[in-house]
Amino acid sequence: MLQGYTRQPLAEVATETELLWLVDVGILRREVDGQGLTDSFRLTPLGRQVVEHWQRQGCPDRRASLLDYVKNGVIRRLRIPDWLV
């Protein structure tokens, strides 16, 4: 939070859950050292495209609609493919 990565404090478990979601959708990948330990994440090519698109739009700070929150929650929690919703 102090470095601006999040707007509110998150527990370690919640942080791990959010990072794993970004890995699952292809935005991040884990960086593994020679011993197979993970201590960092890196943007994937798709993640770079998302960030570049966001920056071209002037880094908008738009809030999602209630429908977006519900749809995202259903997809994330139930692991339903996006094309079914």
PDB file of N, CA and C in Angstrom:
ATOM      1  N   MET A   1       0.822  -1.172   0.000  1.00  0.00           N
ATOM      2  CA  MET A   1       0.000   0.000   0.000  1.00  0.00           C
ATOM      3  C   MET A   1       0.876   1.249   0.000  1.00  0.00           C
ATOM      4  N   LEU A   2       1.960   1.239   0.773  1.00  0.00           N
ATOM      5  CA  LEU A   2       2.836   2.401   0.854  1.00  0.00           C
ATOM      6  C   LEU A   2       3.505   2.714  -0.480  1.00  0.00           C
ATOM      7  N   GLN A   3       3.718   1.688  -1.306  1.00  0.00           N
ATOM      8  CA  GLN A   3       4.361   1.895  -2.603  1.00  0.00           C
ATOM      9  C   GLN A   3       3.354   2.109  -3.727  1.00  0.00           C
ATOM     10  N   GLY A   4       2.075   2.154  -3.411  1.00  0.00           N
ATOM     11  CA  GLY A   4       1.059   2.458  -4.408  1.00  0.00           C
ATOM     12  C   GLY A   4       0.565   1.272  -5.218  1.00  0.00           C
ATOM     13  N   TYR A   5       0.865   0.053  -4.781  1.00  0.00           N
ATOM     14  CA  TYR A   5       0.400  -1.115  -5.523  1.00  0.00           C
ATOM     15  C   TYR A   5      -1.053  -1.444  -5.232  1.00  0.00           C
ATOM     16  N   THR A   6      -1.567  -0.983  -4.119  1.00  0.00           N
ATOM     17  CA  THR A   6      -2.956  -1.216  -3.745  1.00  0.00           C
ATOM     18  C   THR A   6      -3.469   0.001  -2.981  1.00  0.00           C
ATOM     19  N   ARG A   7      -4.775   0.169  -2.984  1.00  0.00           N
ATOM     20  CA  ARG A   7      -5.368   1.320  -2.297  1.00  0.00           C
ATOM     21  C   ARG A   7      -5.742   1.007  -0.859  1.00  0.00           C
ATOM     22  N   GLN A   8      -5.791  -0.269  -0.527  1.00  0.00           N
ATOM     23  CA  GLN A   8      -6.148  -0.668   0.830  1.00  0.00           C
ATOM     24  C   GLN A   8      -5.229  -1.797   1.273  1.00  0.00           C
ATOM     25  N   PRO A   9      -4.999  -1.920   2.571  1.00  0.00           N
ATOM     26  CA  PRO A   9      -4.144  -3.009   3.050  1.00  0.00           C
ATOM     27  C   PRO A   9      -4.774  -4.363   2.722  1.00  0.00           C
ATOM     28  N   LEU A  10      -3.943  -5.313   2.328  1.00  0.00           N
ATOM     29  CA  LEU A  10      -4.411  -6.664   2.021  1.00  0.00           C
ATOM     30  C   LEU A  10      -3.616  -7.669   2.844  1.00  0.00           C
ATOM     31  N   ALA A  11      -4.298  -8.688   3.321  1.00  0.00           N
ATOM     32  CA  ALA A  11      -3.620  -9.778   4.005  1.00  0.00           C
ATOM     33  C   ALA A  11      -2.764 -10.538   2.997  1.00  0.00           C
ATOM     34  N   GLU A  12      -1.777 -11.246   3.492  1.00  0.00           N
ATOM     35  CA  GLU A  12      -0.881 -11.988   2.597  1.00  0.00           C
ATOM     36  C   GLU A  12      -1.649 -13.005   1.758  1.00  0.00           C
ATOM     37  N   VAL A  13      -2.603 -13.685   2.355  1.00  0.00           N
ATOM     38  CA  VAL A  13      -3.387 -14.684   1.628  1.00  0.00           C
ATOM     39  C   VAL A  13      -4.213 -14.012   0.529  1.00  0.00           C
ATOM     40  N   ALA A  14      -4.816 -12.874   0.846  1.00  0.00           N
ATOM     41  CA  ALA A  14      -5.614 -12.153  -0.152  1.00  0.00           C
ATOM     42  C   ALA A  14      -4.732 -11.666  -1.293  1.00  0.00           C
ATOM     43  N   THR A  15      -3.544 -11.196  -0.968  1.00  0.00           N
ATOM     44  CA  THR A  15      -2.604 -10.744  -1.994  1.00  0.00           C
ATOM     45  C   THR A  15      -2.225 -11.895  -2.908  1.00  0.00           C
ATOM     46  N   GLU A  16      -1.921 -13.038  -2.315  1.00  0.00           N
ATOM     47  CA  GLU A  16      -1.563 -14.228  -3.106  1.00  0.00           C
ATOM     48  C   GLU A  16      -2.713 -14.639  -4.014  1.00  0.00           C
ATOM     49  N   THR A  17      -3.939 -14.592  -3.510  1.00  0.00           N
ATOM     50  CA  THR A  17      -5.116 -14.948  -4.304  1.00  0.00           C
ATOM     51  C   THR A  17      -5.261 -14.020  -5.505  1.00  0.00           C
ATOM     52  N   GLU A  18      -5.091 -12.715  -5.273  1.00  0.00           N
ATOM     53  CA  GLU A  18      -5.213 -11.744  -6.366  1.00  0.00           C
ATOM     54  C   GLU A  18      -4.106 -11.939  -7.402  1.00  0.00           C
ATOM     55  N   LEU A  19      -2.887 -12.181  -6.947  1.00  0.00           N
ATOM     56  CA  LEU A  19      -1.783 -12.411  -7.886  1.00  0.00           C
ATOM     57  C   LEU A  19      -1.999 -13.686  -8.695  1.00  0.00           C
ATOM     58  N   LEU A  20      -2.492 -14.742  -8.044  1.00  0.00           N
ATOM     59  CA  LEU A  20      -2.752 -15.990  -8.766  1.00  0.00           C
ATOM     60  C   LEU A  20      -3.845 -15.814  -9.814  1.00  0.00           C
ATOM     61  N   TRP A  21      -4.827 -14.958  -9.528  1.00  0.00           N
ATOM     62  CA  TRP A  21      -5.864 -14.667 -10.532  1.00  0.00           C
ATOM     63  C   TRP A  21      -5.227 -14.020 -11.762  1.00  0.00           C
ATOM     64  N   LEU A  22      -4.325 -13.080 -11.545  1.00  0.00           N
ATOM     65  CA  LEU A  22      -3.654 -12.427 -12.677  1.00  0.00           C
ATOM     66  C   LEU A  22      -2.772 -13.409 -13.444  1.00  0.00           C
ATOM     67  N   VAL A  23      -2.212 -14.388 -12.751  1.00  0.00           N
ATOM     68  CA  VAL A  23      -1.449 -15.446 -13.432  1.00  0.00           C
ATOM     69  C   VAL A  23      -2.400 -16.304 -14.259  1.00  0.00           C
ATOM     70  N   ASP A  24      -3.540 -16.679 -13.671  1.00  0.00           N
ATOM     71  CA  ASP A  24      -4.523 -17.529 -14.368  1.00  0.00           C
ATOM     72  C   ASP A  24      -5.030 -16.895 -15.656  1.00  0.00           C
ATOM     73  N   VAL A  25      -5.255 -15.584 -15.652  1.00  0.00           N
ATOM     74  CA  VAL A  25      -5.788 -14.934 -16.848  1.00  0.00           C
ATOM     75  C   VAL A  25      -4.696 -14.499 -17.815  1.00  0.00           C
ATOM     76  N   GLY A  26      -3.437 -14.705 -17.441  1.00  0.00           N
ATOM     77  CA  GLY A  26      -2.349 -14.463 -18.378  1.00  0.00           C
ATOM     78  C   GLY A  26      -1.716 -13.087 -18.327  1.00  0.00           C
ATOM     79  N   ILE A  27      -1.984 -12.311 -17.287  1.00  0.00           N
ATOM     80  CA  ILE A  27      -1.403 -10.974 -17.172  1.00  0.00           C
ATOM     81  C   ILE A  27      -0.015 -11.030 -16.537  1.00  0.00           C
ATOM     82  N   LEU A  28       0.154 -11.913 -15.560  1.00  0.00           N
ATOM     83  CA  LEU A  28       1.436 -12.075 -14.863  1.00  0.00           C
ATOM     84  C   LEU A  28       1.950 -13.489 -15.021  1.00  0.00           C
ATOM     85  N   ARG A  29       3.241 -13.657 -14.779  1.00  0.00           N
ATOM     86  CA  ARG A  29       3.827 -14.996 -14.651  1.00  0.00           C
ATOM     87  C   ARG A  29       4.791 -14.956 -13.475  1.00  0.00           C
ATOM     88  N   ARG A  30       4.941 -16.101 -12.855  1.00  0.00           N
ATOM     89  CA  ARG A  30       5.847 -16.196 -11.716  1.00  0.00           C
ATOM     90  C   ARG A  30       7.285 -16.292 -12.200  1.00  0.00           C
ATOM     91  N   GLU A  31       8.155 -15.654 -11.464  1.00  0.00           N
ATOM     92  CA  GLU A  31       9.580 -15.774 -11.718  1.00  0.00           C
ATOM     93  C   GLU A  31      10.131 -16.820 -10.761  1.00  0.00           C
ATOM     94  N   VAL A  32      10.753 -17.846 -11.286  1.00  0.00           N
ATOM     95  CA  VAL A  32      11.264 -18.942 -10.470  1.00  0.00           C
ATOM     96  C   VAL A  32      12.780 -18.960 -10.573  1.00  0.00           C
ATOM     97  N   ASP A  33      13.442 -19.103  -9.414  1.00  0.00           N
ATOM     98  CA  ASP A  33      14.906 -19.172  -9.434  1.00  0.00           C
ATOM     99  C   ASP A  33      15.350 -20.608  -9.725  1.00  0.00           C
ATOM    100  N   GLY A  34      16.625 -20.866  -9.702  1.00  0.00           N
ATOM    101  CA  GLY A  34      17.170 -22.176 -10.037  1.00  0.00           C
ATOM    102  C   GLY A  34      16.741 -23.286  -9.099  1.00  0.00           C
ATOM    103  N   GLN A  35      16.301 -22.945  -7.906  1.00  0.00           N
ATOM    104  CA  GLN A  35      15.858 -23.950  -6.937  1.00  0.00           C
ATOM    105  C   GLN A  35      14.347 -24.159  -6.978  1.00  0.00           C
ATOM    106  N   GLY A  36      13.668 -23.491  -7.872  1.00  0.00           N
ATOM    107  CA  GLY A  36      12.229 -23.649  -7.996  1.00  0.00           C
ATOM    108  C   GLY A  36      11.426 -22.788  -7.041  1.00  0.00           C
ATOM    109  N   LEU A  37      12.079 -21.823  -6.403  1.00  0.00           N
ATOM    110  CA  LEU A  37      11.384 -20.933  -5.475  1.00  0.00           C
ATOM    111  C   LEU A  37      10.879 -19.700  -6.215  1.00  0.00           C
ATOM    112  N   THR A  38       9.706 -19.248  -5.835  1.00  0.00           N
ATOM    113  CA  THR A  38       9.098 -18.071  -6.459  1.00  0.00           C
ATOM    114  C   THR A  38       9.070 -16.933  -5.457  1.00  0.00           C
ATOM    115  N   ASP A  39       9.605 -15.794  -5.843  1.00  0.00           N
ATOM    116  CA  ASP A  39       9.502 -14.644  -4.956  1.00  0.00           C
ATOM    117  C   ASP A  39       9.135 -13.370  -5.710  1.00  0.00           C
ATOM    118  N   SER A  40       8.850 -13.499  -7.007  1.00  0.00           N
ATOM    119  CA  SER A  40       8.466 -12.308  -7.760  1.00  0.00           C
ATOM    120  C   SER A  40       7.584 -12.697  -8.948  1.00  0.00           C
ATOM    121  N   PHE A  41       6.982 -11.675  -9.525  1.00  0.00           N
ATOM    122  CA  PHE A  41       6.116 -11.857 -10.681  1.00  0.00           C
ATOM    123  C   PHE A  41       6.585 -10.919 -11.776  1.00  0.00           C
ATOM    124  N   ARG A  42       6.253 -11.252 -13.009  1.00  0.00           N
ATOM    125  CA  ARG A  42       6.638 -10.440 -14.153  1.00  0.00           C
ATOM    126  C   ARG A  42       5.448 -10.337 -15.099  1.00  0.00           C
ATOM    127  N   LEU A  43       5.331  -9.207 -15.793  1.00  0.00           N
ATOM    128  CA  LEU A  43       4.265  -9.057 -16.782  1.00  0.00           C
ATOM    129  C   LEU A  43       4.499  -9.984 -17.968  1.00  0.00           C
ATOM    130  N   THR A  44       3.443 -10.570 -18.479  1.00  0.00           N
ATOM    131  CA  THR A  44       3.510 -11.346 -19.710  1.00  0.00           C
ATOM    132  C   THR A  44       3.375 -10.368 -20.883  1.00  0.00           C
ATOM    133  N   PRO A  45       3.583 -10.838 -22.113  1.00  0.00           N
ATOM    134  CA  PRO A  45       3.336  -9.959 -23.266  1.00  0.00           C
ATOM    135  C   PRO A  45       1.901  -9.406 -23.272  1.00  0.00           C
ATOM    136  N   LEU A  46       0.918 -10.225 -22.902  1.00  0.00           N
ATOM    137  CA  LEU A  46      -0.456  -9.745 -22.810  1.00  0.00           C
ATOM    138  C   LEU A  46      -0.564  -8.662 -21.742  1.00  0.00           C
ATOM    139  N   GLY A  47       0.085  -8.859 -20.605  1.00  0.00           N
ATOM    140  CA  GLY A  47       0.080  -7.867 -19.544  1.00  0.00           C
ATOM    141  C   GLY A  47       0.668  -6.544 -20.003  1.00  0.00           C
ATOM    142  N   ARG A  48       1.731  -6.610 -20.786  1.00  0.00           N
ATOM    143  CA  ARG A  48       2.337  -5.389 -21.325  1.00  0.00           C
ATOM    144  C   ARG A  48       1.364  -4.658 -22.255  1.00  0.00           C
ATOM    145  N   GLN A  49       0.647  -5.429 -23.081  1.00  0.00           N
ATOM    146  CA  GLN A  49      -0.338  -4.825 -23.982  1.00  0.00           C
ATOM    147  C   GLN A  49      -1.441  -4.125 -23.193  1.00  0.00           C
ATOM    148  N   VAL A  50      -1.910  -4.748 -22.122  1.00  0.00           N
ATOM    149  CA  VAL A  50      -2.959  -4.156 -21.294  1.00  0.00           C
ATOM    150  C   VAL A  50      -2.458  -2.857 -20.676  1.00  0.00           C
ATOM    151  N   VAL A  51      -1.255  -2.872 -20.124  1.00  0.00           N
ATOM    152  CA  VAL A  51      -0.693  -1.665 -19.495  1.00  0.00           C
ATOM    153  C   VAL A  51      -0.482  -0.568 -20.538  1.00  0.00           C
ATOM    154  N   GLU A  52       0.040  -0.916 -21.711  1.00  0.00           N
ATOM    155  CA  GLU A  52       0.254   0.092 -22.761  1.00  0.00           C
ATOM    156  C   GLU A  52      -1.067   0.704 -23.214  1.00  0.00           C
ATOM    157  N   HIS A  53      -2.093  -0.126 -23.369  1.00  0.00           N
ATOM    158  CA  HIS A  53      -3.414   0.384 -23.762  1.00  0.00           C
ATOM    159  C   HIS A  53      -3.951   1.333 -22.701  1.00  0.00           C
ATOM    160  N   TRP A  54      -3.820   0.949 -21.434  1.00  0.00           N
ATOM    161  CA  TRP A  54      -4.276   1.781 -20.317  1.00  0.00           C
ATOM    162  C   TRP A  54      -3.521   3.116 -20.287  1.00  0.00           C
ATOM    163  N   GLN A  55      -2.208   3.065 -20.533  1.00  0.00           N
ATOM    164  CA  GLN A  55      -1.419   4.298 -20.531  1.00  0.00           C
ATOM    165  C   GLN A  55      -1.779   5.199 -21.710  1.00  0.00           C
ATOM    166  N   ARG A  56      -2.059   4.609 -22.878  1.00  0.00           N
ATOM    167  CA  ARG A  56      -2.466   5.417 -24.038  1.00  0.00           C
ATOM    168  C   ARG A  56      -3.774   6.149 -23.767  1.00  0.00           C
ATOM    169  N   GLN A  57      -4.610   5.581 -22.926  1.00  0.00           N
ATOM    170  CA  GLN A  57      -5.882   6.218 -22.582  1.00  0.00           C
ATOM    171  C   GLN A  57      -5.701   7.275 -21.497  1.00  0.00           C
ATOM    172  N   GLY A  58      -4.479   7.512 -21.080  1.00  0.00           N
ATOM    173  CA  GLY A  58      -4.219   8.523 -20.057  1.00  0.00           C
ATOM    174  C   GLY A  58      -4.369   8.006 -18.643  1.00  0.00           C
ATOM    175  N   CYS A  59      -4.217   6.703 -18.446  1.00  0.00           N
ATOM    176  CA  CYS A  59      -4.313   6.070 -17.125  1.00  0.00           C
ATOM    177  C   CYS A  59      -5.634   6.404 -16.428  1.00  0.00           C
ATOM    178  N   PRO A  60      -6.760   6.117 -17.072  1.00  0.00           N
ATOM    179  CA  PRO A  60      -8.046   6.464 -16.460  1.00  0.00           C
ATOM    180  C   PRO A  60      -8.274   5.689 -15.167  1.00  0.00           C
ATOM    181  N   ASP A  61      -8.915   6.328 -14.231  1.00  0.00           N
ATOM    182  CA  ASP A  61      -9.227   5.706 -12.945  1.00  0.00           C
ATOM    183  C   ASP A  61     -10.734   5.504 -12.853  1.00  0.00           C
ATOM    184  N   ARG A  62     -11.265   4.764 -13.808  1.00  0.00           N
ATOM    185  CA  ARG A  62     -12.708   4.528 -13.850  1.00  0.00           C
ATOM    186  C   ARG A  62     -13.083   3.371 -12.932  1.00  0.00           C
ATOM    187  N   ARG A  63     -14.221   3.495 -12.302  1.00  0.00           N
ATOM    188  CA  ARG A  63     -14.751   2.434 -11.459  1.00  0.00           C
ATOM    189  C   ARG A  63     -15.647   1.546 -12.310  1.00  0.00           C
ATOM    190  N   ALA A  64     -15.637   0.272 -11.998  1.00  0.00           N
ATOM    191  CA  ALA A  64     -16.495  -0.669 -12.699  1.00  0.00           C
ATOM    192  C   ALA A  64     -17.938  -0.478 -12.248  1.00  0.00           C
ATOM    193  N   SER A  65     -18.863  -0.832 -13.119  1.00  0.00           N
ATOM    194  CA  SER A  65     -20.279  -0.759 -12.764  1.00  0.00           C
ATOM    195  C   SER A  65     -20.626  -1.934 -11.849  1.00  0.00           C
ATOM    196  N   LEU A  66     -21.800  -1.872 -11.232  1.00  0.00           N
ATOM    197  CA  LEU A  66     -22.251  -2.965 -10.379  1.00  0.00           C
ATOM    198  C   LEU A  66     -22.345  -4.261 -11.179  1.00  0.00           C
ATOM    199  N   LEU A  67     -22.834  -4.181 -12.411  1.00  0.00           N
ATOM    200  CA  LEU A  67     -22.916  -5.370 -13.269  1.00  0.00           C
ATOM    201  C   LEU A  67     -21.532  -5.947 -13.531  1.00  0.00           C
ATOM    202  N   ASP A  68     -20.535  -5.095 -13.753  1.00  0.00           N
ATOM    203  CA  ASP A  68     -19.159  -5.567 -13.957  1.00  0.00           C
ATOM    204  C   ASP A  68     -18.636  -6.290 -12.725  1.00  0.00           C
ATOM    205  N   TYR A  69     -18.912  -5.747 -11.537  1.00  0.00           N
ATOM    206  CA  TYR A  69     -18.473  -6.392 -10.294  1.00  0.00           C
ATOM    207  C   TYR A  69     -19.107  -7.767 -10.133  1.00  0.00           C
ATOM    208  N   VAL A  70     -20.410  -7.863 -10.406  1.00  0.00           N
ATOM    209  CA  VAL A  70     -21.113  -9.138 -10.269  1.00  0.00           C
ATOM    210  C   VAL A  70     -20.578 -10.148 -11.279  1.00  0.00           C
ATOM    211  N   LYS A  71     -20.449  -9.726 -12.527  1.00  0.00           N
ATOM    212  CA  LYS A  71     -19.946 -10.612 -13.575  1.00  0.00           C
ATOM    213  C   LYS A  71     -18.535 -11.101 -13.240  1.00  0.00           C
ATOM    214  N   ASN A  72     -17.671 -10.197 -12.807  1.00  0.00           N
ATOM    215  CA  ASN A  72     -16.308 -10.569 -12.444  1.00  0.00           C
ATOM    216  C   ASN A  72     -16.305 -11.550 -11.270  1.00  0.00           C
ATOM    217  N   GLY A  73     -17.152 -11.296 -10.283  1.00  0.00           N
ATOM    218  CA  GLY A  73     -17.219 -12.196  -9.133  1.00  0.00           C
ATOM    219  C   GLY A  73     -17.656 -13.591  -9.524  1.00  0.00           C
ATOM    220  N   VAL A  74     -18.651 -13.687 -10.390  1.00  0.00           N
ATOM    221  CA  VAL A  74     -19.136 -14.988 -10.843  1.00  0.00           C
ATOM    222  C   VAL A  74     -18.039 -15.722 -11.606  1.00  0.00           C
ATOM    223  N   ILE A  75     -17.393 -15.025 -12.509  1.00  0.00           N
ATOM    224  CA  ILE A  75     -16.346 -15.655 -13.319  1.00  0.00           C
ATOM    225  C   ILE A  75     -15.182 -16.112 -12.441  1.00  0.00           C
ATOM    226  N   ARG A  76     -14.753 -15.255 -11.521  1.00  0.00           N
ATOM    227  CA  ARG A  76     -13.598 -15.575 -10.685  1.00  0.00           C
ATOM    228  C   ARG A  76     -13.882 -16.669  -9.687  1.00  0.00           C
ATOM    229  N   ARG A  77     -15.001 -16.595  -9.003  1.00  0.00           N
ATOM    230  CA  ARG A  77     -15.286 -17.549  -7.924  1.00  0.00           C
ATOM    231  C   ARG A  77     -15.733 -18.906  -8.444  1.00  0.00           C
ATOM    232  N   LEU A  78     -16.518 -18.898  -9.491  1.00  0.00           N
ATOM    233  CA  LEU A  78     -17.036 -20.155 -10.014  1.00  0.00           C
ATOM    234  C   LEU A  78     -16.212 -20.704 -11.175  1.00  0.00           C
ATOM    235  N   ARG A  79     -15.243 -19.935 -11.624  1.00  0.00           N
ATOM    236  CA  ARG A  79     -14.371 -20.322 -12.740  1.00  0.00           C
ATOM    237  C   ARG A  79     -15.158 -20.628 -14.003  1.00  0.00           C
ATOM    238  N   ILE A  80     -16.193 -19.834 -14.234  1.00  0.00           N
ATOM    239  CA  ILE A  80     -16.995 -19.970 -15.449  1.00  0.00           C
ATOM    240  C   ILE A  80     -16.289 -19.238 -16.575  1.00  0.00           C
ATOM    241  N   PRO A  81     -16.156 -19.865 -17.754  1.00  0.00           N
ATOM    242  CA  PRO A  81     -15.526 -19.151 -18.868  1.00  0.00           C
ATOM    243  C   PRO A  81     -16.265 -17.865 -19.198  1.00  0.00           C
ATOM    244  N   ASP A  82     -15.535 -16.837 -19.512  1.00  0.00           N
ATOM    245  CA  ASP A  82     -16.098 -15.509 -19.784  1.00  0.00           C
ATOM    246  C   ASP A  82     -17.127 -15.553 -20.919  1.00  0.00           C
ATOM    247  N   TRP A  83     -16.914 -16.405 -21.910  1.00  0.00           N
ATOM    248  CA  TRP A  83     -17.818 -16.437 -23.059  1.00  0.00           C
ATOM    249  C   TRP A  83     -19.185 -17.015 -22.699  1.00  0.00           C
ATOM    250  N   LEU A  84     -19.333 -17.654 -21.528  1.00  0.00           N
ATOM    251  CA  LEU A  84     -20.625 -18.176 -21.112  1.00  0.00           C
ATOM    252  C   LEU A  84     -21.464 -17.133 -20.382  1.00  0.00           C
ATOM    253  N   VAL A  85     -20.826 -16.081 -19.893  1.00  0.00           N
ATOM    254  CA  VAL A  85     -21.554 -15.095 -19.093  1.00  0.00           C
ATOM    255  C   VAL A  85     -22.097 -14.006 -19.983  1.00  0.00           C
TER     256      VAL A  85
END
